[in-house]
Amino acid sequence: MSEKAYALFQTQSDAQRLHRVLREREISHDVSPTPRDLSRSCGMALRFSITEVTAVSRIAESIKVPIEIAKRG
């Protein structure tokens, strides 16, 4: 199984904004419920390849969406 990362958000509107921009920039990701062990967020997460962490973080910063990245195997 390939290693995945999750972008966690304080609000669902932040998750939706980042999802929209990632889709526009054709960065592969999935919208998913936040895994239980990471449930300190709003309940909505974006899951993507670990290789995209830097790109996702930079895009989130550029649109002023605060995120927390969690990595999982």
N, C-alpha and C. Protein backbone atom coordinates (compact mmCIF):
# COMPACT_ATOMS: atom_id res chain seq x y z
N MET A 1 0.85 -1.19 0.00
CA MET A 1 0.00 0.00 0.00
C MET A 1 0.88 1.24 0.00
N SER A 2 0.56 2.21 -0.84
CA SER A 2 1.38 3.42 -0.89
C SER A 2 1.04 4.33 0.28
N GLU A 3 2.03 5.06 0.69
CA GLU A 3 1.85 5.96 1.82
C GLU A 3 0.99 7.14 1.40
N LYS A 4 0.06 7.50 2.25
CA LYS A 4 -0.86 8.61 1.99
C LYS A 4 -0.68 9.70 3.04
N ALA A 5 -1.14 10.88 2.70
CA ALA A 5 -1.16 11.99 3.63
C ALA A 5 -2.58 12.56 3.65
N TYR A 6 -2.92 13.17 4.76
CA TYR A 6 -4.23 13.81 4.91
C TYR A 6 -4.01 15.28 5.22
N ALA A 7 -4.79 16.13 4.57
CA ALA A 7 -4.86 17.53 4.94
C ALA A 7 -6.07 17.66 5.86
N LEU A 8 -5.84 18.18 7.05
CA LEU A 8 -6.90 18.34 8.05
C LEU A 8 -7.22 19.83 8.20
N PHE A 9 -8.46 20.13 8.46
CA PHE A 9 -8.94 21.51 8.44
C PHE A 9 -9.70 21.87 9.72
N GLN A 10 -9.75 23.16 9.99
CA GLN A 10 -10.54 23.66 11.11
C GLN A 10 -12.00 23.79 10.71
N THR A 11 -12.25 24.08 9.42
CA THR A 11 -13.63 24.26 8.95
C THR A 11 -13.84 23.52 7.63
N GLN A 12 -15.07 23.13 7.37
CA GLN A 12 -15.39 22.47 6.10
C GLN A 12 -15.25 23.42 4.92
N SER A 13 -15.51 24.70 5.13
CA SER A 13 -15.37 25.65 4.02
C SER A 13 -13.91 25.75 3.57
N ASP A 14 -12.96 25.66 4.52
CA ASP A 14 -11.54 25.64 4.14
C ASP A 14 -11.23 24.38 3.33
N ALA A 15 -11.78 23.26 3.73
CA ALA A 15 -11.55 22.00 3.00
C ALA A 15 -12.10 22.12 1.58
N GLN A 16 -13.27 22.69 1.44
CA GLN A 16 -13.88 22.83 0.12
C GLN A 16 -13.08 23.78 -0.77
N ARG A 17 -12.56 24.85 -0.19
CA ARG A 17 -11.74 25.79 -0.98
C ARG A 17 -10.49 25.11 -1.50
N LEU A 18 -9.78 24.38 -0.63
CA LEU A 18 -8.56 23.72 -1.07
C LEU A 18 -8.89 22.62 -2.09
N HIS A 19 -9.94 21.87 -1.86
CA HIS A 19 -10.36 20.83 -2.80
C HIS A 19 -10.57 21.43 -4.19
N ARG A 20 -11.26 22.55 -4.27
CA ARG A 20 -11.54 23.20 -5.54
C ARG A 20 -10.24 23.60 -6.26
N VAL A 21 -9.30 24.18 -5.53
CA VAL A 21 -8.04 24.62 -6.14
C VAL A 21 -7.20 23.42 -6.57
N LEU A 22 -7.14 22.38 -5.75
CA LEU A 22 -6.38 21.19 -6.13
C LEU A 22 -6.96 20.55 -7.39
N ARG A 23 -8.26 20.53 -7.49
CA ARG A 23 -8.91 19.98 -8.68
C ARG A 23 -8.56 20.82 -9.91
N GLU A 24 -8.60 22.16 -9.76
CA GLU A 24 -8.25 23.05 -10.87
C GLU A 24 -6.81 22.83 -11.33
N ARG A 25 -5.93 22.55 -10.38
CA ARG A 25 -4.51 22.35 -10.70
C ARG A 25 -4.17 20.89 -11.00
N GLU A 26 -5.20 20.06 -11.05
CA GLU A 26 -5.08 18.65 -11.41
C GLU A 26 -4.12 17.87 -10.50
N ILE A 27 -4.20 18.16 -9.20
CA ILE A 27 -3.45 17.40 -8.21
C ILE A 27 -4.39 16.31 -7.68
N SER A 28 -4.00 15.07 -7.89
CA SER A 28 -4.83 13.94 -7.53
C SER A 28 -5.05 13.88 -6.01
N HIS A 29 -6.32 13.77 -5.61
CA HIS A 29 -6.67 13.70 -4.19
C HIS A 29 -8.10 13.19 -4.06
N ASP A 30 -8.47 12.80 -2.87
CA ASP A 30 -9.82 12.36 -2.56
C ASP A 30 -10.34 13.14 -1.36
N VAL A 31 -11.62 13.45 -1.38
CA VAL A 31 -12.28 13.99 -0.19
C VAL A 31 -12.69 12.79 0.64
N SER A 32 -12.38 12.84 1.93
CA SER A 32 -12.72 11.70 2.79
C SER A 32 -13.08 12.19 4.19
N PRO A 33 -13.79 11.35 4.91
CA PRO A 33 -14.00 11.68 6.32
C PRO A 33 -12.65 11.63 7.03
N THR A 34 -12.51 12.42 8.05
CA THR A 34 -11.27 12.39 8.82
C THR A 34 -11.19 11.06 9.57
N PRO A 35 -10.06 10.36 9.45
CA PRO A 35 -9.91 9.11 10.21
C PRO A 35 -10.09 9.36 11.71
N ARG A 36 -10.67 8.40 12.40
CA ARG A 36 -10.98 8.57 13.83
C ARG A 36 -9.78 8.99 14.66
N ASP A 37 -8.62 8.41 14.38
CA ASP A 37 -7.45 8.76 15.19
C ASP A 37 -6.93 10.16 14.90
N LEU A 38 -7.49 10.83 13.90
CA LEU A 38 -7.12 12.21 13.57
C LEU A 38 -8.30 13.15 13.76
N SER A 39 -9.26 12.78 14.55
CA SER A 39 -10.56 13.45 14.61
C SER A 39 -10.57 14.83 15.26
N ARG A 40 -9.43 15.40 15.49
CA ARG A 40 -9.41 16.74 16.10
C ARG A 40 -9.77 17.85 15.09
N SER A 41 -10.02 17.47 13.84
CA SER A 41 -10.36 18.45 12.82
C SER A 41 -11.88 18.54 12.63
N CYS A 42 -12.30 19.19 11.54
CA CYS A 42 -13.72 19.45 11.30
C CYS A 42 -14.50 18.22 10.83
N GLY A 43 -13.83 17.13 10.55
CA GLY A 43 -14.51 15.92 10.09
C GLY A 43 -14.35 15.65 8.61
N MET A 44 -13.86 16.62 7.88
CA MET A 44 -13.63 16.47 6.44
C MET A 44 -12.13 16.57 6.20
N ALA A 45 -11.60 15.69 5.37
CA ALA A 45 -10.16 15.69 5.08
C ALA A 45 -9.95 15.48 3.59
N LEU A 46 -8.77 15.85 3.13
CA LEU A 46 -8.36 15.53 1.77
C LEU A 46 -7.21 14.53 1.87
N ARG A 47 -7.32 13.44 1.11
CA ARG A 47 -6.30 12.40 1.14
C ARG A 47 -5.56 12.42 -0.20
N PHE A 48 -4.23 12.34 -0.13
CA PHE A 48 -3.42 12.42 -1.34
C PHE A 48 -2.11 11.67 -1.13
N SER A 49 -1.38 11.48 -2.21
CA SER A 49 -0.10 10.78 -2.14
C SER A 49 0.90 11.57 -1.30
N ILE A 50 1.71 10.84 -0.58
CA ILE A 50 2.74 11.47 0.25
C ILE A 50 3.69 12.34 -0.59
N THR A 51 3.80 12.01 -1.87
CA THR A 51 4.69 12.77 -2.75
C THR A 51 4.16 14.17 -3.06
N GLU A 52 2.90 14.42 -2.74
CA GLU A 52 2.28 15.72 -3.02
C GLU A 52 2.24 16.65 -1.80
N VAL A 53 2.84 16.25 -0.69
CA VAL A 53 2.75 17.05 0.54
C VAL A 53 3.23 18.47 0.33
N THR A 54 4.38 18.64 -0.29
CA THR A 54 4.93 19.99 -0.48
C THR A 54 4.02 20.83 -1.36
N ALA A 55 3.54 20.27 -2.45
CA ALA A 55 2.67 21.01 -3.36
C ALA A 55 1.37 21.42 -2.67
N VAL A 56 0.75 20.49 -1.97
CA VAL A 56 -0.51 20.78 -1.27
C VAL A 56 -0.29 21.85 -0.19
N SER A 57 0.78 21.74 0.55
CA SER A 57 1.08 22.71 1.61
C SER A 57 1.28 24.11 1.02
N ARG A 58 2.01 24.19 -0.07
CA ARG A 58 2.26 25.50 -0.70
C ARG A 58 0.98 26.11 -1.25
N ILE A 59 0.16 25.29 -1.87
CA ILE A 59 -1.11 25.80 -2.41
C ILE A 59 -2.01 26.28 -1.28
N ALA A 60 -2.11 25.50 -0.22
CA ALA A 60 -2.93 25.91 0.93
C ALA A 60 -2.45 27.24 1.50
N GLU A 61 -1.14 27.38 1.62
CA GLU A 61 -0.57 28.63 2.12
C GLU A 61 -0.89 29.79 1.18
N SER A 62 -0.79 29.56 -0.11
CA SER A 62 -1.03 30.64 -1.08
C SER A 62 -2.47 31.14 -1.07
N ILE A 63 -3.42 30.25 -0.73
CA ILE A 63 -4.82 30.69 -0.66
C ILE A 63 -5.28 30.94 0.77
N LYS A 64 -4.32 30.94 1.68
CA LYS A 64 -4.56 31.26 3.09
C LYS A 64 -5.57 30.32 3.75
N VAL A 65 -5.39 29.03 3.48
CA VAL A 65 -6.20 27.99 4.14
C VAL A 65 -5.28 27.26 5.11
N PRO A 66 -5.51 27.41 6.41
CA PRO A 66 -4.67 26.70 7.38
C PRO A 66 -4.95 25.21 7.36
N ILE A 67 -3.90 24.40 7.26
CA ILE A 67 -4.06 22.95 7.27
C ILE A 67 -3.05 22.33 8.22
N GLU A 68 -3.36 21.12 8.60
CA GLU A 68 -2.42 20.27 9.32
C GLU A 68 -2.26 19.04 8.45
N ILE A 69 -1.02 18.59 8.27
CA ILE A 69 -0.75 17.41 7.46
C ILE A 69 -0.51 16.22 8.40
N ALA A 70 -1.18 15.12 8.12
CA ALA A 70 -0.96 13.88 8.86
C ALA A 70 -0.58 12.81 7.85
N LYS A 71 0.48 12.07 8.14
CA LYS A 71 0.95 11.03 7.21
C LYS A 71 0.57 9.66 7.76
N ARG A 72 0.19 8.76 6.83
CA ARG A 72 -0.20 7.40 7.22
C ARG A 72 0.36 6.42 6.20
N GLY A 73 0.71 5.23 6.70
CA GLY A 73 1.24 4.19 5.83
C GLY A 73 0.17 3.36 5.21
